[in-house]
């Protein structure tokens, strides 16, 4: 399969990558998964269409900001750990219950 859109991440290019995610997000249906490879990131919707950010992967520090932007359910403390698998897969579009941020 080929991605619907791609972005080539450059060192220090976090604002451009975040802008790419913001612009292309509307081209997909409801987001379901995020696959993080060593050198790229796939954002996949319910129809298995996806877009790709090349040049950034789970070893990179900026991947945490990209995953937070996509509302990905992941552990920021362990995202950078090595894996024998081809990629790490996380659910996207996490939801919070109503008033989760209120203190009683």
N, C-alpha and C. Protein backbone atom coordinates (compact mmCIF):
# COMPACT_ATOMS: atom_id res chain seq x y z
N UNK A 1 0.83 -1.18 0.00
CA UNK A 1 0.00 0.00 0.00
C UNK A 1 0.88 1.25 0.00
N UNK A 2 0.39 2.26 -0.61
CA UNK A 2 1.12 3.52 -0.63
C UNK A 2 0.39 4.54 0.25
N UNK A 3 1.13 5.40 0.92
CA UNK A 3 0.49 6.40 1.78
C UNK A 3 -0.26 7.45 0.96
N UNK A 4 -1.31 8.00 1.54
CA UNK A 4 -2.07 9.06 0.88
C UNK A 4 -1.28 10.35 0.84
N UNK A 5 -0.41 10.56 1.82
CA UNK A 5 0.44 11.75 1.86
C UNK A 5 1.70 11.41 2.65
N UNK A 6 2.80 12.08 2.34
CA UNK A 6 4.05 11.85 3.06
C UNK A 6 4.69 13.19 3.44
N UNK A 7 5.50 13.13 4.47
CA UNK A 7 6.27 14.30 4.91
C UNK A 7 7.65 13.79 5.28
N UNK A 8 8.68 14.48 4.83
CA UNK A 8 10.05 14.13 5.19
C UNK A 8 10.50 15.01 6.35
N UNK A 9 10.65 14.38 7.50
CA UNK A 9 11.06 15.09 8.71
C UNK A 9 12.55 15.39 8.63
N UNK A 10 12.92 16.61 8.99
CA UNK A 10 14.32 17.01 9.08
C UNK A 10 14.60 17.38 10.53
N UNK A 11 15.83 17.19 10.98
CA UNK A 11 16.22 17.52 12.34
C UNK A 11 15.80 18.95 12.68
N UNK A 12 15.08 19.11 13.77
CA UNK A 12 14.58 20.43 14.17
C UNK A 12 13.31 20.83 13.44
N UNK A 13 12.74 19.93 12.68
CA UNK A 13 11.55 20.25 11.89
C UNK A 13 10.25 19.85 12.53
N UNK A 14 10.18 19.88 13.86
CA UNK A 14 8.95 19.50 14.55
C UNK A 14 7.77 20.38 14.18
N UNK A 15 7.91 21.71 14.11
CA UNK A 15 6.75 22.53 13.72
C UNK A 15 6.20 22.17 12.33
N UNK A 16 7.07 21.87 11.38
CA UNK A 16 6.61 21.50 10.04
C UNK A 16 5.89 20.15 10.07
N UNK A 17 6.39 19.20 10.87
CA UNK A 17 5.74 17.89 10.98
C UNK A 17 4.37 18.02 11.65
N UNK A 18 4.27 18.85 12.68
CA UNK A 18 2.98 19.06 13.34
C UNK A 18 1.99 19.73 12.39
N UNK A 19 2.45 20.65 11.58
CA UNK A 19 1.60 21.30 10.58
C UNK A 19 1.12 20.29 9.54
N UNK A 20 2.01 19.39 9.11
CA UNK A 20 1.64 18.34 8.16
C UNK A 20 0.53 17.47 8.75
N UNK A 21 0.68 17.05 10.00
CA UNK A 21 -0.34 16.23 10.64
C UNK A 21 -1.67 16.97 10.73
N UNK A 22 -1.61 18.25 11.05
CA UNK A 22 -2.83 19.05 11.15
C UNK A 22 -3.54 19.17 9.81
N UNK A 23 -2.78 19.41 8.73
CA UNK A 23 -3.37 19.57 7.40
C UNK A 23 -3.93 18.27 6.85
N UNK A 24 -3.23 17.17 7.03
CA UNK A 24 -3.62 15.91 6.40
C UNK A 24 -4.62 15.10 7.21
N UNK A 25 -4.80 15.44 8.45
CA UNK A 25 -5.70 14.68 9.31
C UNK A 25 -7.12 14.62 8.77
N UNK A 26 -7.57 15.69 8.14
CA UNK A 26 -8.93 15.72 7.60
C UNK A 26 -9.10 14.84 6.37
N UNK A 27 -8.01 14.40 5.75
CA UNK A 27 -8.10 13.55 4.58
C UNK A 27 -8.43 12.10 4.96
N UNK A 28 -8.27 11.76 6.22
CA UNK A 28 -8.54 10.41 6.67
C UNK A 28 -9.85 10.36 7.46
N UNK A 29 -10.38 9.16 7.61
CA UNK A 29 -11.54 8.94 8.48
C UNK A 29 -11.06 8.93 9.92
N UNK A 30 -11.83 8.38 10.81
CA UNK A 30 -11.45 8.31 12.21
C UNK A 30 -10.13 7.56 12.37
N UNK A 31 -9.19 8.15 13.07
CA UNK A 31 -7.88 7.53 13.26
C UNK A 31 -8.00 6.34 14.19
N UNK A 32 -7.30 5.25 13.85
CA UNK A 32 -7.37 4.02 14.65
C UNK A 32 -6.03 3.62 15.23
N UNK A 33 -4.96 3.65 14.44
CA UNK A 33 -3.67 3.17 14.88
C UNK A 33 -2.56 4.12 14.46
N UNK A 34 -1.49 4.06 15.23
CA UNK A 34 -0.25 4.73 14.86
C UNK A 34 0.83 3.66 14.95
N UNK A 35 1.54 3.47 13.87
CA UNK A 35 2.67 2.54 13.85
C UNK A 35 3.96 3.35 13.80
N UNK A 36 4.83 3.09 14.77
CA UNK A 36 6.09 3.82 14.85
C UNK A 36 7.22 2.85 14.54
N UNK A 37 7.88 3.08 13.44
CA UNK A 37 9.04 2.29 13.02
C UNK A 37 10.30 2.99 13.54
N UNK A 38 11.46 2.44 13.25
CA UNK A 38 12.70 3.10 13.64
C UNK A 38 12.93 4.39 12.88
N UNK A 39 12.40 4.47 11.65
CA UNK A 39 12.72 5.61 10.79
C UNK A 39 11.49 6.31 10.20
N UNK A 40 10.30 5.91 10.62
CA UNK A 40 9.09 6.54 10.07
C UNK A 40 7.90 6.28 10.99
N UNK A 41 6.83 7.01 10.71
CA UNK A 41 5.60 6.94 11.49
C UNK A 41 4.43 6.83 10.54
N UNK A 42 3.54 5.87 10.76
CA UNK A 42 2.32 5.72 9.96
C UNK A 42 1.12 6.04 10.82
N UNK A 43 0.21 6.84 10.29
CA UNK A 43 -1.06 7.15 10.94
C UNK A 43 -2.14 6.51 10.09
N UNK A 44 -2.90 5.56 10.68
CA UNK A 44 -3.82 4.70 9.94
C UNK A 44 -5.25 4.96 10.40
N UNK A 45 -6.18 5.03 9.45
CA UNK A 45 -7.59 5.24 9.79
C UNK A 45 -8.37 3.93 9.75
N UNK A 46 -9.67 3.99 9.97
CA UNK A 46 -10.51 2.79 10.02
C UNK A 46 -10.58 2.05 8.69
N UNK A 47 -10.33 2.74 7.58
CA UNK A 47 -10.34 2.11 6.25
C UNK A 47 -8.96 1.61 5.83
N UNK A 48 -8.00 1.68 6.74
CA UNK A 48 -6.61 1.29 6.49
C UNK A 48 -5.90 2.21 5.51
N UNK A 49 -6.45 3.39 5.26
CA UNK A 49 -5.71 4.43 4.55
C UNK A 49 -4.72 5.01 5.56
N UNK A 50 -3.59 5.51 5.08
CA UNK A 50 -2.63 6.06 6.02
C UNK A 50 -1.80 7.16 5.39
N UNK A 51 -1.19 7.96 6.25
CA UNK A 51 -0.17 8.88 5.80
C UNK A 51 1.08 8.64 6.63
N UNK A 52 2.20 9.15 6.13
CA UNK A 52 3.50 8.76 6.65
C UNK A 52 4.38 9.99 6.90
N UNK A 53 5.10 9.93 8.02
CA UNK A 53 6.14 10.92 8.31
C UNK A 53 7.45 10.14 8.29
N UNK A 54 8.31 10.45 7.33
CA UNK A 54 9.59 9.75 7.18
C UNK A 54 10.70 10.52 7.91
N UNK A 55 11.68 9.79 8.38
CA UNK A 55 12.83 10.42 9.00
C UNK A 55 12.75 10.58 10.51
N UNK A 56 11.69 10.08 11.12
CA UNK A 56 11.56 10.11 12.58
C UNK A 56 10.95 8.78 13.02
N UNK A 57 11.43 8.27 14.14
CA UNK A 57 10.94 6.99 14.64
C UNK A 57 10.98 6.95 16.15
N UNK A 58 10.77 5.77 16.71
CA UNK A 58 10.69 5.67 18.16
C UNK A 58 11.98 6.02 18.89
N UNK A 59 13.17 5.92 18.29
CA UNK A 59 14.37 6.36 19.03
C UNK A 59 14.47 7.88 19.18
N UNK A 60 13.76 8.66 18.38
CA UNK A 60 13.89 10.11 18.37
C UNK A 60 13.04 10.78 19.45
N UNK A 61 13.55 11.85 20.04
CA UNK A 61 12.85 12.55 21.11
C UNK A 61 11.58 13.24 20.62
N UNK A 62 11.59 13.80 19.41
CA UNK A 62 10.44 14.55 18.90
C UNK A 62 9.23 13.68 18.60
N UNK A 63 9.39 12.36 18.57
CA UNK A 63 8.26 11.49 18.28
C UNK A 63 7.20 11.59 19.38
N UNK A 64 7.61 11.92 20.59
CA UNK A 64 6.66 12.05 21.71
C UNK A 64 5.66 13.17 21.41
N UNK A 65 6.14 14.30 20.91
CA UNK A 65 5.24 15.42 20.58
C UNK A 65 4.28 15.05 19.46
N UNK A 66 4.77 14.32 18.47
CA UNK A 66 3.89 13.91 17.37
C UNK A 66 2.82 12.95 17.86
N UNK A 67 3.19 12.01 18.72
CA UNK A 67 2.22 11.05 19.24
C UNK A 67 1.19 11.73 20.14
N UNK A 68 1.63 12.69 20.95
CA UNK A 68 0.67 13.45 21.77
C UNK A 68 -0.30 14.21 20.88
N UNK A 69 0.19 14.78 19.79
CA UNK A 69 -0.65 15.54 18.87
C UNK A 69 -1.73 14.67 18.26
N UNK A 70 -1.45 13.38 18.07
CA UNK A 70 -2.41 12.44 17.49
C UNK A 70 -3.29 11.76 18.54
N UNK A 71 -3.17 12.18 19.80
CA UNK A 71 -3.91 11.55 20.90
C UNK A 71 -3.66 10.06 20.98
N UNK A 72 -2.41 9.69 20.84
CA UNK A 72 -2.02 8.28 20.87
C UNK A 72 -1.89 7.80 22.31
N UNK A 73 -2.38 6.59 22.56
CA UNK A 73 -2.26 5.97 23.87
C UNK A 73 -0.93 5.23 23.94
N UNK A 74 0.07 5.85 24.59
CA UNK A 74 1.40 5.25 24.69
C UNK A 74 2.05 5.71 25.98
N UNK A 75 3.13 5.05 26.35
CA UNK A 75 3.89 5.41 27.55
C UNK A 75 5.12 6.19 27.11
N UNK A 76 5.20 7.49 27.42
CA UNK A 76 6.35 8.29 26.98
C UNK A 76 7.68 7.84 27.60
N UNK A 77 7.61 7.12 28.72
CA UNK A 77 8.85 6.66 29.37
C UNK A 77 9.47 5.47 28.66
N UNK A 78 8.66 4.68 27.95
CA UNK A 78 9.19 3.47 27.31
C UNK A 78 9.16 3.51 25.79
N UNK A 79 8.69 4.60 25.20
CA UNK A 79 8.57 4.67 23.74
C UNK A 79 9.91 4.51 23.04
N UNK A 80 11.00 4.95 23.66
CA UNK A 80 12.31 4.93 23.02
C UNK A 80 13.04 3.59 23.17
N UNK A 81 12.46 2.65 23.92
CA UNK A 81 13.11 1.34 24.11
C UNK A 81 13.16 0.55 22.80
N UNK A 82 14.24 -0.18 22.61
CA UNK A 82 14.40 -1.03 21.44
C UNK A 82 13.37 -2.16 21.45
N UNK A 83 13.04 -2.65 20.25
CA UNK A 83 12.13 -3.78 20.12
C UNK A 83 12.61 -4.68 18.99
N UNK A 84 12.29 -5.95 19.09
CA UNK A 84 12.63 -6.90 18.02
C UNK A 84 11.60 -6.87 16.90
N UNK A 85 10.44 -6.30 17.18
CA UNK A 85 9.37 -6.22 16.18
C UNK A 85 9.74 -5.17 15.12
N UNK A 86 9.05 -5.25 14.00
CA UNK A 86 9.29 -4.29 12.91
C UNK A 86 8.85 -2.88 13.30
N UNK A 87 7.78 -2.78 14.11
CA UNK A 87 7.25 -1.49 14.52
C UNK A 87 6.52 -1.64 15.86
N UNK A 88 6.23 -0.49 16.46
CA UNK A 88 5.39 -0.44 17.66
C UNK A 88 4.05 0.13 17.23
N UNK A 89 2.96 -0.51 17.67
CA UNK A 89 1.63 -0.08 17.26
C UNK A 89 0.84 0.38 18.48
N UNK A 90 0.19 1.54 18.34
CA UNK A 90 -0.58 2.13 19.42
C UNK A 90 -1.95 2.56 18.91
N UNK A 91 -2.91 2.56 19.79
CA UNK A 91 -4.23 3.09 19.45
C UNK A 91 -4.17 4.60 19.34
N UNK A 92 -4.95 5.15 18.42
CA UNK A 92 -4.97 6.60 18.23
C UNK A 92 -6.34 7.14 18.59
N UNK A 93 -6.39 8.40 18.90
CA UNK A 93 -7.67 9.05 19.19
C UNK A 93 -8.20 8.73 20.57
N UNK A 94 -7.30 8.63 21.58
CA UNK A 94 -7.78 8.34 22.93
C UNK A 94 -8.76 9.41 23.37
N UNK A 95 -9.69 9.03 24.17
CA UNK A 95 -10.74 9.92 24.65
C UNK A 95 -10.65 10.04 26.17
N UNK A 96 -11.08 11.17 26.67
CA UNK A 96 -11.13 11.39 28.10
C UNK A 96 -12.60 11.48 28.53
N UNK A 97 -12.94 10.96 29.70
CA UNK A 97 -14.31 11.11 30.17
C UNK A 97 -14.61 12.57 30.49
N UNK A 98 -15.87 12.89 30.48
CA UNK A 98 -16.29 14.25 30.78
C UNK A 98 -15.76 14.66 32.15
N UNK A 99 -15.21 15.84 32.26
CA UNK A 99 -14.71 16.43 33.49
C UNK A 99 -13.55 15.65 34.11
N UNK A 100 -12.75 14.99 33.29
CA UNK A 100 -11.63 14.21 33.84
C UNK A 100 -10.60 15.09 34.52
N UNK A 101 -10.54 16.36 34.17
CA UNK A 101 -9.53 17.24 34.71
C UNK A 101 -9.99 18.03 35.94
N UNK A 102 -11.20 17.78 36.38
CA UNK A 102 -11.71 18.51 37.55
C UNK A 102 -11.27 17.81 38.83
N UNK A 103 -10.95 18.61 39.78
CA UNK A 103 -10.56 18.08 41.09
C UNK A 103 -11.71 18.29 42.06
N UNK A 104 -12.09 17.24 42.73
CA UNK A 104 -13.20 17.33 43.68
C UNK A 104 -12.66 17.35 45.09
